Amino acid sequence: MNHSIIIYMLGWIMNIEAALMLIPILTAVVYKEGIISCYAGVAVVCAVLGFLCTRKKPKVRMFFAREGFVLVSLGWLVLSFFGCLPFVLSGEIPHFIDALFEIVSGFTTTGSSILPEVEKLSKASLIWRSFSHWIGGMGVLVFILAILPMAGDYDMHIMRAESPGPSVGKLVPKIRITAKLLYIIYFCITVATAVFLLIGKMPVFDTICMSLGAAGTGGFACRNSGQAGYTVYQQAVLSIAMILFGINFNVYYLLLIRKPKEAFKCEEMRGYLAIILIAVVLITVNIRSMFPSLFLAAHHALFQVASIITTTGYSTVDFDKWPEFSKCIIVLLMFIGACAGSTGGGMKVSRIMIAFKEAKREISTMIHPRSVKVLKYEGKVIGNDTLRVLNCYIIVYFMLFVASVLIVSLDNYDFTTSFTAVAANFNNIGPGLSVVGPASNFSMMSYLSKSVLIFDMLAGRLELFPVLVLLSPGTWKRG
């Protein structure tokens, strides 16, 4: 285990977080809020610790998969620990577990909240919550890779550990340039979203918060009414933005280098858009009688489908009041999630599609035992190693899911609450159903349940294995 490179990189994470806290500090200055000292104090501590950890470059800058998993997990824990301190110091969220829940929900782009009235927060804290979505959407370590050159291709282990999806590859030969391209695309679509919201006359502060949340596919609102108070146009812009950020960023790169045919051949993107279309049509038909027009029914169906499948968690209506059929579709979308290589969470469309193809092949093999069928996805042959990792992921996913539901059920809420609370946080969505529905929050949960849900949010965002590797005793043994 290369401890020196891990400490060095953690130092950079603290340096980056100190710099990022300038955003809420400047917000506090603009709105003349006394909370500035809390953010400034934490920023100084981060900067000092970061300087101490990075003042001496490690002699050996190489690391492998184990170090990559450990670094990513520890990095997100460090980021969350310091990120929640301003909430505690200001007294806006006095209990540490509550504050940690809130900021982990932000960085993992989950959007679950323990706050019954978000408008009571200072503007600085509202910006920090929403900005945490944007930071966590692409990943802070991916950002570090964009600015900090590493040795050879060893930094690929960080990219694979932090980026969501069953497989991560390079857009260009060098990882550093790949990371830069990802952030440039990410930034440009975020700005475009903000521009269209401003054209629709959304207030500037709301525009910033909503754009950052849509980009990171997080779900924090800056109004108690969520997104219900915005105009149909503004809601439509957010719907389109959420869908766009749920697409694999490789598609945008192909469009950027003028290869539209290759971009639109993306099998996962076509499957993702097909799922959205089918879900919207089914829900629209099911909820038609609840709205004055077919257009409004389709509009709210599209918004909620886009919000849930991309694991954003925004809501224009209380979908917990929808018919059971629509709610079942919503829950299924929670598990499917967005595309690999996007800012969305969930199991990912690619995993679902590969699993279906594998099941189809196995059934065909049972019917024709002597036939040899090659499993292909996106025009490439899927190897046994990929299938082994996929099957392992699904098994571990449901083991952790069941264990979490059992622990959360100790709070003695109804099954729908316990089940969807875990589903919403494990898949980084935000709102669930029943007691934790879109019109409610997670404040009533016990601290044990909140701790479990914090673990679920981190495990879900980091695709399970980095967190499990960190907790494995074998990780810390020599050799």
Protein backbone atom coordinates (compact mmCIF):
# COMPACT_ATOMS: atom_id res chain seq x y z
CA MET A 1 0.00 0.00 0.00
CA ASN A 2 1.47 3.33 -1.10
CA HIS A 3 0.45 5.41 1.95
CA SER A 4 2.41 8.48 0.90
CA ILE A 5 0.51 8.98 -2.38
CA ILE A 6 -2.82 8.50 -0.57
CA ILE A 7 -1.92 11.18 2.02
CA TYR A 8 -0.67 13.44 -0.76
CA MET A 9 -3.90 13.11 -2.74
CA LEU A 10 -6.06 13.58 0.37
CA GLY A 11 -4.13 16.80 0.93
CA TRP A 12 -5.11 17.95 -2.54
CA ILE A 13 -8.73 17.13 -1.80
CA MET A 14 -8.58 19.38 1.28
CA ASN A 15 -6.91 22.11 -0.77
CA ILE A 16 -9.65 21.87 -3.40
CA GLU A 17 -12.38 21.93 -0.77
CA ALA A 18 -10.85 25.02 0.83
CA ALA A 19 -10.93 26.75 -2.57
CA LEU A 20 -14.50 25.60 -3.26
CA MET A 21 -15.68 27.11 0.02
CA LEU A 22 -14.98 30.52 -1.48
CA ILE A 23 -18.36 30.11 -3.22
CA PRO A 24 -20.46 30.16 0.01
CA ILE A 25 -18.06 32.74 1.50
CA LEU A 26 -18.67 35.12 -1.42
CA THR A 27 -22.40 34.41 -1.20
CA ALA A 28 -22.34 35.33 2.49
CA VAL A 29 -20.54 38.58 1.61
CA VAL A 30 -23.10 39.47 -1.08
CA TYR A 31 -26.07 38.80 1.21
CA LYS A 32 -24.29 40.21 4.31
CA GLU A 33 -24.67 37.03 6.37
CA GLY A 34 -22.79 36.41 9.60
CA ILE A 35 -22.22 32.76 8.69
CA ILE A 36 -19.15 33.81 6.72
CA SER A 37 -16.87 33.10 9.70
CA CYS A 38 -17.98 29.44 9.84
CA TYR A 39 -17.13 28.76 6.20
CA ALA A 40 -13.94 30.83 6.34
CA GLY A 41 -12.77 28.99 9.47
CA VAL A 42 -13.31 25.55 7.95
CA ALA A 43 -11.67 26.69 4.70
CA VAL A 44 -8.56 27.82 6.62
CA VAL A 45 -8.34 24.49 8.48
CA CYS A 46 -8.67 22.59 5.18
CA ALA A 47 -6.02 24.76 3.54
CA VAL A 48 -3.55 24.29 6.41
CA LEU A 49 -4.02 20.51 6.56
CA GLY A 50 -3.90 20.31 2.78
CA PHE A 51 -0.63 22.27 2.72
CA LEU A 52 0.92 19.98 5.33
CA CYS A 53 -0.05 16.89 3.34
CA THR A 54 1.13 18.18 -0.05
CA ARG A 55 4.25 20.17 0.84
CA LYS A 56 6.40 17.10 0.22
CA LYS A 57 5.76 15.15 -2.97
CA PRO A 58 5.89 11.37 -2.55
CA LYS A 59 8.96 9.71 -4.02
CA VAL A 60 6.88 6.92 -5.51
CA ARG A 61 3.82 8.30 -7.28
CA MET A 62 2.59 4.98 -8.64
CA PHE A 63 -0.45 3.21 -7.27
CA PHE A 64 -2.69 0.36 -8.26
CA ALA A 65 -6.33 -0.72 -7.96
CA ARG A 66 -6.21 -1.17 -4.19
CA GLU A 67 -4.82 2.31 -3.59
CA GLY A 68 -7.35 3.73 -6.09
CA PHE A 69 -10.30 2.25 -4.21
CA VAL A 70 -8.97 3.31 -0.81
CA LEU A 71 -8.14 6.83 -2.02
CA VAL A 72 -11.57 7.37 -3.53
CA SER A 73 -13.40 6.14 -0.40
CA LEU A 74 -11.23 8.11 2.02
CA GLY A 75 -11.40 11.15 -0.26
CA TRP A 76 -15.19 11.23 -0.16
CA LEU A 77 -15.18 10.74 3.62
CA VAL A 78 -12.73 13.62 4.11
CA LEU A 79 -14.70 15.80 1.70
CA SER A 80 -17.95 15.08 3.57
CA PHE A 81 -16.48 15.51 7.06
CA PHE A 82 -15.17 19.02 6.41
CA GLY A 83 -18.11 19.89 4.18
CA CYS A 84 -20.63 19.40 6.98
CA LEU A 85 -18.73 21.38 9.64
CA PRO A 86 -20.10 24.85 8.63
CA PHE A 87 -23.64 23.53 9.21
CA VAL A 88 -22.69 22.39 12.72
CA LEU A 89 -20.65 25.48 13.64
CA SER A 90 -23.36 27.88 12.47
CA GLY A 91 -26.05 25.98 14.37
CA GLU A 92 -28.18 25.68 11.22
CA ILE A 93 -27.92 21.89 11.54
CA PRO A 94 -26.59 21.44 15.09
CA HIS A 95 -26.34 17.64 15.27
CA PHE A 96 -23.28 16.17 13.52
CA ILE A 97 -25.09 13.11 12.09
CA ASP A 98 -27.81 15.34 10.62
CA ALA A 99 -25.22 17.70 9.13
CA LEU A 100 -23.22 14.76 7.75
CA PHE A 101 -26.39 13.25 6.27
CA GLU A 102 -27.17 16.55 4.54
CA ILE A 103 -23.74 17.08 3.00
CA VAL A 104 -23.22 13.42 2.03
CA SER A 105 -26.61 13.66 0.34
CA GLY A 106 -25.23 16.70 -1.48
CA PHE A 107 -21.87 15.31 -2.59
CA THR A 108 -23.37 11.96 -3.63
CA THR A 109 -26.05 13.90 -5.57
CA THR A 110 -28.78 12.11 -3.63
CA GLY A 111 -30.85 15.11 -2.55
CA SER A 112 -32.37 13.54 0.58
CA SER A 113 -32.75 16.11 3.33
CA ILE A 114 -33.42 16.29 7.05
CA LEU A 115 -34.57 19.91 6.76
CA PRO A 116 -38.33 20.53 7.01
CA GLU A 117 -37.94 24.14 5.82
CA VAL A 118 -34.96 24.81 3.57
CA GLU A 119 -35.74 28.51 3.26
CA LYS A 120 -34.65 28.98 6.88
CA LEU A 121 -31.07 28.27 5.80
CA SER A 122 -28.74 31.14 4.94
CA LYS A 123 -28.13 31.83 1.26
CA ALA A 124 -24.52 30.72 1.73
CA SER A 125 -25.62 27.30 3.00
CA LEU A 126 -28.21 26.94 0.25
CA ILE A 127 -25.53 27.61 -2.34
CA TRP A 128 -23.11 25.21 -0.62
CA ARG A 129 -25.73 22.44 -0.62
CA SER A 130 -26.46 22.90 -4.32
CA PHE A 131 -22.80 23.38 -5.23
CA SER A 132 -22.01 20.08 -3.49
CA HIS A 133 -24.21 18.41 -6.13
CA TRP A 134 -22.12 19.89 -8.91
CA ILE A 135 -18.85 18.89 -7.22
CA GLY A 136 -20.00 15.33 -6.62
CA GLY A 137 -21.71 14.91 -9.99
CA MET A 138 -18.51 14.46 -11.96
CA GLY A 139 -16.32 13.67 -8.96
CA VAL A 140 -13.75 15.74 -7.11
CA LEU A 141 -10.96 13.25 -7.84
CA VAL A 142 -11.71 13.44 -11.56
CA PHE A 143 -11.29 17.21 -11.19
CA ILE A 144 -7.94 16.69 -9.44
CA LEU A 145 -6.82 14.41 -12.29
CA ALA A 146 -7.61 17.24 -14.70
CA ILE A 147 -5.18 19.60 -12.95
CA LEU A 148 -2.64 17.26 -11.34
CA PRO A 149 -0.42 15.09 -13.58
CA MET A 150 0.19 11.58 -12.23
CA ALA A 151 2.57 8.83 -13.23
CA GLY A 152 1.73 6.87 -16.36
CA ASP A 153 -1.69 5.26 -16.52
CA TYR A 154 -1.94 4.63 -12.80
CA ASP A 155 -4.49 7.43 -12.43
CA MET A 156 -6.91 5.26 -14.41
CA HIS A 157 -7.52 3.36 -11.18
CA ILE A 158 -8.95 6.55 -9.65
CA MET A 159 -11.13 7.23 -12.69
CA ARG A 160 -12.55 3.71 -12.61
CA ALA A 161 -13.14 3.79 -8.85
CA GLU A 162 -14.96 7.13 -8.84
CA SER A 163 -16.82 7.23 -12.17
CA PRO A 164 -20.23 5.53 -12.22
CA GLY A 165 -20.87 2.57 -14.50
CA PRO A 166 -19.77 -0.99 -15.20
CA SER A 167 -16.82 0.12 -17.33
CA VAL A 168 -14.84 3.31 -17.72
CA GLY A 169 -12.52 4.08 -20.57
CA LYS A 170 -10.48 6.95 -21.94
CA LEU A 171 -11.89 9.46 -24.37
CA VAL A 172 -8.33 10.24 -25.48
CA PRO A 173 -5.00 8.49 -24.78
CA LYS A 174 -4.16 10.64 -21.73
CA ILE A 175 -6.33 10.46 -18.60
CA ARG A 176 -5.59 14.07 -17.69
CA ILE A 177 -6.96 15.31 -21.02
CA THR A 178 -9.96 12.97 -20.66
CA ALA A 179 -10.73 14.47 -17.24
CA LYS A 180 -10.44 18.00 -18.66
CA LEU A 181 -12.77 17.18 -21.55
CA LEU A 182 -15.34 15.71 -19.16
CA TYR A 183 -15.32 18.84 -17.02
CA ILE A 184 -15.47 21.17 -20.03
CA ILE A 185 -18.54 19.34 -21.36
CA TYR A 186 -20.04 19.29 -17.85
CA PHE A 187 -19.47 23.03 -17.37
CA CYS A 188 -20.83 24.00 -20.79
CA ILE A 189 -24.11 22.08 -20.39
CA THR A 190 -24.50 23.55 -16.89
CA VAL A 191 -24.08 27.08 -18.24
CA ALA A 192 -26.52 26.34 -21.08
CA THR A 193 -29.11 25.16 -18.54
CA ALA A 194 -28.66 28.35 -16.52
CA VAL A 195 -29.02 30.53 -19.62
CA PHE A 196 -32.32 28.89 -20.63
CA LEU A 197 -33.64 29.24 -17.07
CA LEU A 198 -32.71 32.92 -17.04
CA ILE A 199 -34.49 33.36 -20.39
CA GLY A 200 -37.55 31.99 -18.61
CA LYS A 201 -37.13 34.72 -15.97
CA MET A 202 -36.22 32.44 -13.09
CA PRO A 203 -34.59 34.45 -10.25
CA VAL A 204 -30.78 34.45 -10.48
CA PHE A 205 -30.23 32.74 -7.12
CA ASP A 206 -32.76 30.01 -7.94
CA THR A 207 -31.21 29.62 -11.40
CA ILE A 208 -27.80 28.94 -9.91
CA CYS A 209 -29.15 26.40 -7.40
CA MET A 210 -31.38 24.60 -9.91
CA SER A 211 -28.71 24.48 -12.62
CA LEU A 212 -26.12 23.03 -10.24
CA GLY A 213 -28.62 20.47 -8.98
CA ALA A 214 -29.76 19.43 -12.47
CA ALA A 215 -26.15 19.14 -13.64
CA GLY A 216 -25.12 16.89 -10.77
CA THR A 217 -28.51 15.14 -10.92
CA GLY A 218 -28.96 16.01 -7.26
CA GLY A 219 -32.24 17.05 -5.71
CA PHE A 220 -31.74 19.90 -3.24
CA ALA A 221 -34.27 22.70 -3.62
CA CYS A 222 -33.90 26.29 -2.44
CA ARG A 223 -37.64 26.69 -1.86
CA ASN A 224 -39.92 24.84 0.54
CA SER A 225 -42.27 24.12 -2.38
CA GLY A 226 -39.51 22.34 -4.30
CA GLN A 227 -39.92 22.91 -8.05
CA ALA A 228 -43.72 23.24 -7.90
CA GLY A 229 -43.55 27.04 -7.76
CA TYR A 230 -41.75 27.42 -11.08
CA THR A 231 -43.39 28.00 -14.45
CA VAL A 232 -44.13 25.21 -16.92
CA TYR A 233 -41.32 26.53 -19.16
CA GLN A 234 -38.79 26.51 -16.30
CA GLN A 235 -39.86 23.00 -15.30
CA ALA A 236 -39.55 21.87 -18.94
CA VAL A 237 -35.99 23.23 -19.12
CA LEU A 238 -35.11 21.28 -15.98
CA SER A 239 -36.70 18.13 -17.45
CA ILE A 240 -34.56 18.36 -20.59
CA ALA A 241 -31.44 19.20 -18.57
CA MET A 242 -31.89 16.21 -16.27
CA ILE A 243 -32.29 13.87 -19.24
CA LEU A 244 -29.18 15.31 -20.92
CA PHE A 245 -27.05 14.89 -17.80
CA GLY A 246 -28.25 11.28 -17.53
CA ILE A 247 -26.64 10.41 -20.89
CA ASN A 248 -23.14 8.94 -21.09
CA PHE A 249 -20.71 11.83 -21.61
CA ASN A 250 -18.91 9.80 -24.28
CA VAL A 251 -21.88 10.64 -26.54
CA TYR A 252 -21.19 14.36 -26.14
CA TYR A 253 -17.51 13.80 -26.86
CA LEU A 254 -18.37 12.02 -30.11
CA LEU A 255 -20.65 14.91 -31.05
CA LEU A 256 -17.87 17.33 -30.14
CA ILE A 257 -15.42 15.67 -32.55
CA ARG A 258 -18.15 15.55 -35.23
CA LYS A 259 -18.96 11.85 -35.19
CA PRO A 260 -22.76 12.03 -34.85
CA LYS A 261 -23.34 8.60 -36.44
CA GLU A 262 -21.20 6.91 -33.79
CA ALA A 263 -22.86 8.96 -31.04
CA PHE A 264 -26.39 7.95 -32.03
CA LYS A 265 -25.36 4.30 -32.35
CA CYS A 266 -24.92 4.22 -28.57
CA GLU A 267 -27.04 1.24 -27.52
CA GLU A 268 -27.31 2.38 -23.91
CA MET A 269 -28.53 5.86 -24.87
CA ARG A 270 -31.23 4.41 -27.11
CA GLY A 271 -32.34 2.07 -24.32
CA TYR A 272 -32.32 4.93 -21.82
CA LEU A 273 -34.46 7.19 -24.02
CA ALA A 274 -36.82 4.30 -24.83
CA ILE A 275 -37.37 3.60 -21.12
CA ILE A 276 -38.15 7.30 -20.53
CA LEU A 277 -40.63 7.40 -23.43
CA ILE A 278 -42.45 4.23 -22.36
CA ALA A 279 -42.61 5.32 -18.71
CA VAL A 280 -43.92 8.79 -19.62
CA VAL A 281 -46.66 7.37 -21.86
CA LEU A 282 -47.80 4.81 -19.27
CA ILE A 283 -47.84 7.31 -16.40
CA THR A 284 -49.54 10.00 -18.49
CA VAL A 285 -52.40 7.65 -19.32
CA ASN A 286 -52.63 6.56 -15.68
CA ILE A 287 -52.73 10.08 -14.16
CA ARG A 288 -54.67 11.85 -16.92
CA SER A 289 -57.78 12.31 -14.75
CA MET A 290 -55.74 14.08 -12.03
CA PHE A 291 -54.89 17.06 -14.26
CA PRO A 292 -57.05 19.55 -16.20
CA SER A 293 -55.39 18.72 -19.53
CA LEU A 294 -53.46 15.96 -21.28
CA PHE A 295 -50.56 18.38 -21.76
CA LEU A 296 -50.15 19.01 -18.02
CA ALA A 297 -50.41 15.30 -17.26
CA ALA A 298 -47.67 14.56 -19.82
CA HIS A 299 -45.61 17.51 -18.58
CA HIS A 300 -45.56 16.34 -14.95
CA ALA A 301 -45.10 12.71 -15.99
CA LEU A 302 -42.03 13.68 -18.05
CA PHE A 303 -40.60 15.79 -15.25
CA GLN A 304 -40.95 13.06 -12.63
CA VAL A 305 -39.72 10.29 -14.92
CA ALA A 306 -36.70 12.40 -15.89
CA SER A 307 -36.11 13.28 -12.24
CA ILE A 308 -36.29 9.69 -10.96
CA ILE A 309 -34.47 7.78 -13.72
CA THR A 310 -31.60 10.29 -13.63
CA THR A 311 -31.76 10.05 -9.80
CA THR A 312 -32.10 13.83 -9.49
CA GLY A 313 -35.05 13.80 -7.13
CA TYR A 314 -36.67 17.12 -8.09
CA SER A 315 -40.47 17.15 -7.89
CA THR A 316 -43.20 19.40 -9.26
CA VAL A 317 -46.02 17.39 -7.67
CA ASP A 318 -46.45 14.98 -4.78
CA PHE A 319 -46.20 11.76 -6.81
CA ASP A 320 -46.89 9.79 -3.63
CA LYS A 321 -50.56 10.66 -4.32
CA TRP A 322 -50.46 9.13 -7.80
CA PRO A 323 -52.16 5.77 -8.54
CA GLU A 324 -50.31 2.62 -7.47
CA PHE A 325 -49.46 1.73 -11.08
CA SER A 326 -47.56 5.01 -11.57
CA LYS A 327 -45.83 4.67 -8.20
CA CYS A 328 -44.67 1.16 -9.14
CA ILE A 329 -43.12 2.54 -12.33
CA ILE A 330 -41.42 5.28 -10.29
CA VAL A 331 -39.92 2.67 -7.92
CA LEU A 332 -38.67 0.57 -10.87
CA LEU A 333 -37.02 3.65 -12.37
CA MET A 334 -35.25 4.21 -9.03
CA PHE A 335 -33.40 0.95 -9.51
CA ILE A 336 -32.69 1.31 -13.24
CA GLY A 337 -31.02 4.71 -12.99
CA ALA A 338 -29.28 6.64 -15.77
CA CYS A 339 -26.48 5.77 -18.19
CA ALA A 340 -22.98 4.74 -17.20
CA GLY A 341 -20.53 7.62 -17.52
CA SER A 342 -23.21 10.18 -16.63
CA THR A 343 -23.80 12.08 -13.39
CA GLY A 344 -26.81 9.86 -12.60
CA GLY A 345 -26.99 7.04 -10.07
CA GLY A 346 -28.90 3.76 -9.83
CA MET A 347 -27.83 0.39 -11.22
CA LYS A 348 -27.34 1.97 -14.68
CA VAL A 349 -29.13 1.15 -17.91
CA SER A 350 -26.05 -0.61 -19.29
CA ARG A 351 -26.03 -3.16 -16.46
CA ILE A 352 -29.74 -3.84 -16.91
CA MET A 353 -29.31 -4.31 -20.68
CA ILE A 354 -26.31 -6.61 -20.32
CA ALA A 355 -28.10 -8.65 -17.66
CA PHE A 356 -31.11 -9.08 -19.98
CA LYS A 357 -28.86 -10.12 -22.86
CA GLU A 358 -27.08 -12.64 -20.65
CA ALA A 359 -30.42 -14.08 -19.47
CA LYS A 360 -31.63 -14.31 -23.08
CA ARG A 361 -28.44 -16.12 -24.09
CA GLU A 362 -28.74 -18.59 -21.21
CA ILE A 363 -32.35 -19.41 -22.14
CA SER A 364 -31.30 -19.89 -25.77
CA THR A 365 -28.46 -22.18 -24.66
CA MET A 366 -30.92 -24.31 -22.69
CA ILE A 367 -33.05 -24.72 -25.82
CA HIS A 368 -30.06 -25.28 -28.11
CA PRO A 369 -27.27 -26.74 -25.90
CA ARG A 370 -24.79 -27.14 -28.76
CA SER A 371 -25.09 -23.59 -30.01
CA VAL A 372 -22.36 -21.08 -29.26
CA LYS A 373 -23.57 -17.53 -28.94
CA VAL A 374 -21.30 -14.56 -28.36
CA LEU A 375 -22.67 -11.84 -26.07
CA LYS A 376 -22.22 -8.38 -27.59
CA TYR A 377 -22.94 -4.92 -26.26
CA GLU A 378 -22.26 -1.61 -28.02
CA GLY A 379 -20.77 -3.71 -30.85
CA LYS A 380 -18.14 -5.23 -28.54
CA VAL A 381 -17.88 -8.76 -27.20
CA ILE A 382 -18.64 -8.99 -23.49
CA GLY A 383 -15.97 -11.10 -21.82
CA ASN A 384 -16.44 -13.46 -18.90
CA ASP A 385 -14.54 -11.07 -16.59
CA THR A 386 -17.07 -8.31 -17.28
CA LEU A 387 -19.97 -10.69 -16.65
CA ARG A 388 -18.35 -11.93 -13.44
CA VAL A 389 -17.98 -8.38 -12.11
CA LEU A 390 -21.54 -7.54 -13.20
CA ASN A 391 -23.01 -10.59 -11.45
CA CYS A 392 -20.95 -9.88 -8.34
CA TYR A 393 -22.17 -6.27 -8.32
CA ILE A 394 -25.83 -7.32 -8.54
CA ILE A 395 -25.44 -9.89 -5.75
CA VAL A 396 -23.65 -7.48 -3.41
CA TYR A 397 -26.09 -4.71 -4.34
CA PHE A 398 -29.12 -6.69 -3.20
CA MET A 399 -27.36 -8.11 -0.12
CA LEU A 400 -26.57 -4.59 1.10
CA PHE A 401 -30.02 -3.39 0.10
CA VAL A 402 -31.81 -6.10 2.11
CA ALA A 403 -29.53 -5.55 5.13
CA SER A 404 -30.22 -1.80 5.02
CA VAL A 405 -33.99 -2.28 4.79
CA LEU A 406 -33.89 -4.61 7.81
CA ILE A 407 -31.97 -2.08 9.93
CA VAL A 408 -34.09 0.90 8.85
CA SER A 409 -37.26 -1.10 9.60
CA LEU A 410 -36.26 -0.99 13.29
CA ASP A 411 -37.73 2.53 13.26
CA ASN A 412 -41.08 0.74 12.89
CA TYR A 413 -42.38 2.72 9.93
CA ASP A 414 -44.47 0.99 7.26
CA PHE A 415 -42.76 -1.24 4.70
CA THR A 416 -43.17 1.26 1.86
CA THR A 417 -41.32 3.90 3.91
CA SER A 418 -38.44 1.60 4.89
CA PHE A 419 -38.10 0.07 1.42
CA THR A 420 -38.21 3.32 -0.56
CA ALA A 421 -36.05 5.18 1.98
CA VAL A 422 -33.24 2.72 1.29
CA ALA A 423 -34.00 2.61 -2.46
CA ALA A 424 -33.97 6.40 -2.68
CA ASN A 425 -30.64 6.76 -0.87
CA PHE A 426 -28.86 3.67 -2.18
CA ASN A 427 -29.65 4.77 -5.74
CA ASN A 428 -28.89 8.45 -4.95
CA ILE A 429 -32.39 9.69 -5.77
CA GLY A 430 -33.68 11.63 -2.74
CA PRO A 431 -37.39 11.31 -2.08
CA GLY A 432 -39.09 7.98 -1.53
CA LEU A 433 -42.74 7.22 -0.84
CA SER A 434 -45.07 7.39 2.15
CA VAL A 435 -43.37 9.01 5.20
CA VAL A 436 -40.28 9.91 3.12
CA GLY A 437 -42.23 11.06 0.06
CA PRO A 438 -41.51 14.20 -1.99
CA ALA A 439 -43.60 16.35 0.36
CA SER A 440 -41.67 15.16 3.42
CA ASN A 441 -38.06 14.59 4.55
CA PHE A 442 -35.83 12.24 6.57
CA SER A 443 -35.74 14.22 9.83
CA MET A 444 -37.93 11.73 11.68
CA MET A 445 -35.53 8.83 11.07
CA SER A 446 -33.43 7.60 14.00
CA TYR A 447 -29.70 8.35 14.02
CA LEU A 448 -29.03 4.64 13.43
CA SER A 449 -31.16 4.71 10.28
CA LYS A 450 -29.57 7.97 9.15
CA SER A 451 -26.11 6.42 9.62
CA VAL A 452 -27.13 3.43 7.52
CA LEU A 453 -28.52 5.72 4.84
CA ILE A 454 -25.29 7.75 4.86
CA PHE A 455 -23.40 4.52 4.17
CA ASP A 456 -25.91 3.64 1.44
CA MET A 457 -25.49 7.02 -0.25
CA LEU A 458 -21.71 6.69 -0.34
CA ALA A 459 -21.79 3.03 -1.40
CA GLY A 460 -24.33 3.78 -4.13
CA ARG A 461 -22.40 6.76 -5.51
CA LEU A 462 -19.08 4.90 -5.51
CA GLU A 463 -20.58 1.73 -7.02
CA LEU A 464 -20.17 -0.39 -3.86
CA PHE A 465 -16.68 -1.81 -4.31
CA PRO A 466 -14.48 1.15 -3.22
CA VAL A 467 -16.35 1.35 0.10
CA LEU A 468 -16.22 -2.43 0.61
CA VAL A 469 -12.51 -2.53 -0.22
CA LEU A 470 -11.90 0.21 2.36
CA LEU A 471 -13.72 -1.83 5.03
CA SER A 472 -12.00 -5.11 4.12
CA PRO A 473 -9.25 -6.15 6.60
CA GLY A 474 -7.23 -7.63 3.73
CA THR A 475 -6.81 -4.16 2.22
CA TRP A 476 -4.55 -3.08 5.05
CA LYS A 477 -2.31 -6.15 5.09
CA ARG A 478 1.13 -5.94 3.55
CA GLY A 479 1.71 -7.51 0.20
